N, C-alpha and C. Protein backbone atom coordinates (compact mmCIF):
# COMPACT_ATOMS: atom_id res chain seq x y z
N UNK A 1 0.82 -1.19 0.00
CA UNK A 1 0.00 0.00 0.00
C UNK A 1 0.87 1.26 0.00
N UNK A 2 1.90 1.30 0.80
CA UNK A 2 2.79 2.45 0.86
C UNK A 2 3.52 2.65 -0.47
N UNK A 3 3.93 1.58 -1.09
CA UNK A 3 4.61 1.66 -2.38
C UNK A 3 3.72 2.31 -3.42
N UNK A 4 2.46 1.93 -3.43
CA UNK A 4 1.50 2.49 -4.39
C UNK A 4 1.33 3.99 -4.15
N UNK A 5 1.23 4.40 -2.92
CA UNK A 5 1.08 5.82 -2.59
C UNK A 5 2.30 6.62 -3.03
N UNK A 6 3.49 6.13 -2.79
CA UNK A 6 4.71 6.82 -3.21
C UNK A 6 4.80 6.91 -4.72
N UNK A 7 4.39 5.87 -5.40
CA UNK A 7 4.41 5.88 -6.86
C UNK A 7 3.47 6.95 -7.40
N UNK A 8 2.28 7.04 -6.82
CA UNK A 8 1.30 8.04 -7.28
C UNK A 8 1.82 9.46 -7.06
N UNK A 9 2.39 9.71 -5.92
CA UNK A 9 2.89 11.05 -5.64
C UNK A 9 4.05 11.42 -6.55
N UNK A 10 4.97 10.50 -6.76
CA UNK A 10 6.11 10.82 -7.61
C UNK A 10 5.68 11.03 -9.05
N UNK A 11 4.67 10.33 -9.48
CA UNK A 11 4.17 10.51 -10.85
C UNK A 11 3.59 11.91 -11.02
N UNK A 12 2.86 12.39 -10.02
CA UNK A 12 2.27 13.73 -10.10
C UNK A 12 3.35 14.80 -10.15
N UNK A 13 4.39 14.66 -9.36
CA UNK A 13 5.48 15.63 -9.39
C UNK A 13 6.15 15.67 -10.76
N UNK A 14 6.30 14.52 -11.38
CA UNK A 14 6.92 14.45 -12.70
C UNK A 14 6.07 15.18 -13.73
N UNK A 15 4.75 14.99 -13.68
CA UNK A 15 3.89 15.64 -14.67
C UNK A 15 3.90 17.15 -14.48
N UNK A 16 4.00 17.64 -13.24
CA UNK A 16 4.08 19.08 -13.01
C UNK A 16 5.38 19.65 -13.53
N UNK A 17 6.44 18.90 -13.39
CA UNK A 17 7.75 19.37 -13.84
C UNK A 17 7.81 19.47 -15.36
N UNK A 18 7.03 18.67 -16.05
CA UNK A 18 7.06 18.68 -17.51
C UNK A 18 6.26 19.83 -18.11
N UNK A 19 5.32 20.39 -17.35
CA UNK A 19 4.52 21.48 -17.90
C UNK A 19 5.35 22.75 -17.96
N UNK A 20 5.20 23.49 -19.04
CA UNK A 20 5.96 24.72 -19.21
C UNK A 20 5.01 25.85 -19.58
N UNK A 21 5.39 27.08 -19.32
CA UNK A 21 4.53 28.21 -19.66
C UNK A 21 4.23 28.23 -21.16
N UNK A 22 3.01 28.59 -21.48
CA UNK A 22 2.59 28.59 -22.87
C UNK A 22 2.32 30.03 -23.33
N UNK A 23 3.15 30.51 -24.21
CA UNK A 23 2.98 31.84 -24.78
C UNK A 23 2.21 31.73 -26.09
N UNK A 24 1.30 32.65 -26.30
CA UNK A 24 0.50 32.70 -27.52
C UNK A 24 0.79 34.02 -28.23
N UNK A 25 0.96 33.96 -29.54
CA UNK A 25 1.20 35.17 -30.31
C UNK A 25 -0.04 36.06 -30.30
N UNK A 26 0.15 37.33 -30.01
CA UNK A 26 -0.94 38.32 -30.04
C UNK A 26 -0.50 39.49 -30.91
N UNK A 27 -1.48 40.22 -31.45
CA UNK A 27 -1.15 41.36 -32.31
C UNK A 27 -0.98 42.63 -31.51
N UNK A 28 -1.63 42.69 -30.32
CA UNK A 28 -1.43 43.83 -29.43
C UNK A 28 -1.66 43.40 -28.00
N UNK A 29 -1.12 44.18 -27.08
CA UNK A 29 -1.35 43.99 -25.66
C UNK A 29 -1.37 45.38 -25.03
N UNK A 30 -2.47 45.72 -24.34
CA UNK A 30 -2.55 47.03 -23.69
C UNK A 30 -2.58 46.84 -22.18
N UNK A 31 -1.95 47.76 -21.48
CA UNK A 31 -1.88 47.75 -20.03
C UNK A 31 -2.40 49.08 -19.51
N UNK A 32 -3.27 49.03 -18.51
CA UNK A 32 -3.81 50.25 -17.91
C UNK A 32 -3.67 50.17 -16.40
N UNK A 33 -3.18 51.25 -15.80
CA UNK A 33 -3.06 51.36 -14.35
C UNK A 33 -3.61 52.72 -13.97
N UNK A 34 -4.87 52.74 -13.55
CA UNK A 34 -5.52 54.01 -13.22
C UNK A 34 -5.29 54.32 -11.74
N UNK A 35 -5.04 55.60 -11.43
CA UNK A 35 -4.90 56.02 -10.04
C UNK A 35 -5.51 57.41 -9.89
N UNK A 36 -5.44 57.98 -8.70
CA UNK A 36 -6.10 59.26 -8.45
C UNK A 36 -5.51 60.40 -9.26
N UNK A 37 -4.25 60.30 -9.67
CA UNK A 37 -3.64 61.34 -10.50
C UNK A 37 -3.92 61.13 -11.98
N UNK A 38 -4.61 60.09 -12.33
CA UNK A 38 -4.92 59.83 -13.73
C UNK A 38 -4.52 58.44 -14.16
N UNK A 39 -3.24 58.11 -14.01
CA UNK A 39 -2.79 56.78 -14.36
C UNK A 39 -1.98 56.75 -15.64
N UNK A 40 -1.73 55.54 -16.12
CA UNK A 40 -0.93 55.39 -17.33
C UNK A 40 -1.39 54.18 -18.13
N UNK A 41 -1.16 54.26 -19.42
CA UNK A 41 -1.48 53.18 -20.33
C UNK A 41 -0.29 52.93 -21.25
N UNK A 42 -0.05 51.66 -21.53
CA UNK A 42 0.98 51.25 -22.48
C UNK A 42 0.34 50.33 -23.49
N UNK A 43 0.71 50.49 -24.75
CA UNK A 43 0.22 49.60 -25.80
C UNK A 43 1.42 49.03 -26.54
N UNK A 44 1.54 47.73 -26.53
CA UNK A 44 2.55 47.03 -27.32
C UNK A 44 1.85 46.56 -28.59
N UNK A 45 2.28 47.08 -29.73
CA UNK A 45 1.61 46.81 -31.00
C UNK A 45 2.58 46.17 -31.99
N UNK A 46 2.13 45.10 -32.64
CA UNK A 46 2.93 44.58 -33.74
C UNK A 46 2.85 45.58 -34.88
N UNK A 47 3.81 45.54 -35.78
CA UNK A 47 3.97 46.58 -36.80
C UNK A 47 2.75 46.78 -37.69
N UNK A 48 1.90 45.78 -37.87
CA UNK A 48 0.74 45.93 -38.74
C UNK A 48 -0.51 46.43 -38.00
N UNK A 49 -0.39 46.76 -36.73
CA UNK A 49 -1.53 47.21 -35.91
C UNK A 49 -1.36 48.69 -35.57
N UNK A 50 -2.47 49.42 -35.64
CA UNK A 50 -2.46 50.83 -35.25
C UNK A 50 -3.17 51.00 -33.91
N UNK A 51 -2.91 52.11 -33.26
CA UNK A 51 -3.47 52.38 -31.94
C UNK A 51 -4.99 52.30 -31.93
N UNK A 52 -5.65 52.77 -32.97
CA UNK A 52 -7.11 52.77 -32.98
C UNK A 52 -7.71 51.37 -33.06
N UNK A 53 -6.93 50.35 -33.40
CA UNK A 53 -7.42 48.97 -33.43
C UNK A 53 -7.26 48.26 -32.09
N UNK A 54 -6.49 48.84 -31.19
CA UNK A 54 -6.24 48.22 -29.88
C UNK A 54 -7.34 48.62 -28.90
N UNK A 55 -7.70 47.69 -28.05
CA UNK A 55 -8.71 47.94 -27.02
C UNK A 55 -8.00 48.19 -25.69
N UNK A 56 -8.37 49.29 -25.04
CA UNK A 56 -7.79 49.68 -23.75
C UNK A 56 -8.84 49.56 -22.67
N UNK A 57 -8.41 49.33 -21.44
CA UNK A 57 -9.29 49.43 -20.28
C UNK A 57 -9.59 50.91 -20.05
N UNK A 58 -10.66 51.19 -19.32
CA UNK A 58 -11.02 52.58 -19.05
C UNK A 58 -9.94 53.27 -18.23
N UNK A 59 -9.69 54.52 -18.58
CA UNK A 59 -8.77 55.36 -17.82
C UNK A 59 -9.21 56.81 -18.02
N UNK A 60 -9.05 57.63 -17.02
CA UNK A 60 -9.42 59.04 -17.13
C UNK A 60 -8.67 59.72 -18.26
N UNK A 61 -9.21 60.84 -18.73
CA UNK A 61 -8.56 61.58 -19.82
C UNK A 61 -7.14 62.02 -19.46
N UNK A 62 -6.88 62.18 -18.17
CA UNK A 62 -5.55 62.62 -17.75
C UNK A 62 -4.51 61.50 -17.75
N UNK A 63 -4.91 60.29 -18.12
CA UNK A 63 -3.96 59.17 -18.22
C UNK A 63 -2.93 59.45 -19.31
N UNK A 64 -1.71 59.09 -19.03
CA UNK A 64 -0.69 59.15 -20.08
C UNK A 64 -0.79 57.87 -20.90
N UNK A 65 -0.38 57.95 -22.16
CA UNK A 65 -0.43 56.77 -23.03
C UNK A 65 0.86 56.69 -23.83
N UNK A 66 1.47 55.52 -23.80
CA UNK A 66 2.70 55.30 -24.56
C UNK A 66 2.49 54.13 -25.51
N UNK A 67 2.83 54.33 -26.78
CA UNK A 67 2.72 53.30 -27.80
C UNK A 67 4.11 52.73 -28.07
N UNK A 68 4.21 51.41 -28.02
CA UNK A 68 5.49 50.73 -28.23
C UNK A 68 5.30 49.75 -29.39
N UNK A 69 5.96 50.02 -30.51
CA UNK A 69 5.86 49.15 -31.68
C UNK A 69 6.91 48.05 -31.59
N UNK A 70 6.48 46.81 -31.80
CA UNK A 70 7.38 45.66 -31.67
C UNK A 70 7.27 44.76 -32.90
N UNK A 71 8.29 43.95 -33.11
CA UNK A 71 8.29 43.00 -34.21
C UNK A 71 7.48 41.75 -33.85
N UNK A 72 7.68 41.23 -32.64
CA UNK A 72 6.99 40.02 -32.18
C UNK A 72 6.45 40.25 -30.78
N UNK A 73 5.28 39.66 -30.50
CA UNK A 73 4.63 39.87 -29.21
C UNK A 73 3.89 38.59 -28.83
N UNK A 74 4.13 38.10 -27.62
CA UNK A 74 3.48 36.89 -27.13
C UNK A 74 3.03 37.10 -25.69
N UNK A 75 1.90 36.44 -25.33
CA UNK A 75 1.31 36.62 -24.01
C UNK A 75 0.99 35.26 -23.40
N UNK A 76 1.24 35.12 -22.11
CA UNK A 76 0.88 33.92 -21.36
C UNK A 76 -0.19 34.33 -20.35
N UNK A 77 -1.42 33.95 -20.63
CA UNK A 77 -2.54 34.34 -19.78
C UNK A 77 -2.45 33.71 -18.39
N UNK A 78 -1.89 32.52 -18.30
CA UNK A 78 -1.79 31.83 -17.01
C UNK A 78 -0.83 32.52 -16.05
N UNK A 79 0.28 32.99 -16.54
CA UNK A 79 1.29 33.62 -15.68
C UNK A 79 1.23 35.15 -15.72
N UNK A 80 0.44 35.72 -16.61
CA UNK A 80 0.33 37.16 -16.89
C UNK A 80 1.64 37.76 -17.39
N UNK A 81 2.54 36.93 -17.87
CA UNK A 81 3.80 37.39 -18.45
C UNK A 81 3.62 37.61 -19.94
N UNK A 82 4.32 38.60 -20.47
CA UNK A 82 4.36 38.75 -21.92
C UNK A 82 5.80 38.98 -22.33
N UNK A 83 6.05 38.70 -23.59
CA UNK A 83 7.41 38.89 -24.11
C UNK A 83 7.33 39.51 -25.49
N UNK A 84 8.37 40.26 -25.83
CA UNK A 84 8.38 40.97 -27.10
C UNK A 84 9.81 41.15 -27.57
N UNK A 85 9.94 41.43 -28.85
CA UNK A 85 11.24 41.81 -29.40
C UNK A 85 11.02 42.86 -30.47
N UNK A 86 11.99 43.76 -30.57
CA UNK A 86 11.89 44.86 -31.51
C UNK A 86 12.33 44.47 -32.92
N UNK A 87 13.27 43.56 -33.02
CA UNK A 87 13.80 43.11 -34.31
C UNK A 87 13.82 41.59 -34.34
N UNK A 88 13.77 41.00 -35.54
CA UNK A 88 13.76 39.53 -35.64
C UNK A 88 14.95 38.87 -34.96
N UNK A 89 16.11 39.49 -34.99
CA UNK A 89 17.31 38.88 -34.42
C UNK A 89 17.46 39.12 -32.91
N UNK A 90 16.61 39.94 -32.33
CA UNK A 90 16.68 40.23 -30.89
C UNK A 90 16.24 39.04 -30.05
N UNK A 91 16.72 39.00 -28.82
CA UNK A 91 16.21 38.06 -27.82
C UNK A 91 14.90 38.62 -27.29
N UNK A 92 14.00 37.75 -26.83
CA UNK A 92 12.76 38.22 -26.22
C UNK A 92 13.07 38.96 -24.92
N UNK A 93 12.35 40.06 -24.70
CA UNK A 93 12.36 40.76 -23.42
C UNK A 93 11.07 40.38 -22.70
N UNK A 94 11.15 40.12 -21.41
CA UNK A 94 10.00 39.65 -20.64
C UNK A 94 9.52 40.73 -19.68
N UNK A 95 8.19 40.81 -19.54
CA UNK A 95 7.57 41.71 -18.56
C UNK A 95 6.32 41.03 -18.03
N UNK A 96 5.81 41.56 -16.93
CA UNK A 96 4.59 41.03 -16.33
C UNK A 96 3.47 42.05 -16.44
N UNK A 97 2.26 41.55 -16.65
CA UNK A 97 1.09 42.44 -16.66
C UNK A 97 0.31 42.31 -15.36
N UNK A 98 0.93 41.68 -14.36
CA UNK A 98 0.29 41.53 -13.06
C UNK A 98 -0.01 42.91 -12.48
N UNK A 99 -1.16 43.06 -11.88
CA UNK A 99 -1.62 44.31 -11.27
C UNK A 99 -1.96 45.38 -12.29
N UNK A 100 -2.08 45.03 -13.56
CA UNK A 100 -2.50 45.96 -14.60
C UNK A 100 -3.78 45.41 -15.24
N UNK A 101 -4.65 46.29 -15.66
CA UNK A 101 -5.79 45.86 -16.46
C UNK A 101 -5.25 45.60 -17.86
N UNK A 102 -5.41 44.38 -18.35
CA UNK A 102 -4.75 43.95 -19.59
C UNK A 102 -5.77 43.54 -20.63
N UNK A 103 -5.54 43.96 -21.85
CA UNK A 103 -6.34 43.53 -23.01
C UNK A 103 -5.37 43.08 -24.08
N UNK A 104 -5.74 42.01 -24.78
CA UNK A 104 -4.87 41.53 -25.86
C UNK A 104 -5.72 40.84 -26.92
N UNK A 105 -5.14 40.75 -28.09
CA UNK A 105 -5.80 40.03 -29.20
C UNK A 105 -4.72 39.54 -30.14
């Protein structure tokens, strides 16, 4: 009985170790952080996307907005991490969207 229990537990640990974060390609990712002074918004856009096609969370008119054009953009909804690169030969840069209102497509 003990052998069976140990086998089951070790099998579960192995399956967890094999799972890896899954990034999905997106055409844009917007981040909004509203506060009493207005807040800020960032939009990461692939080169074929314009600002008017991106969906943002609500933010007061006094929010600042920064547009960042990238070559490649990927998002992991499970970890709230996203990664991007400016040029095809660049390494991915990683950031988190945790604590931000996030929209992506």
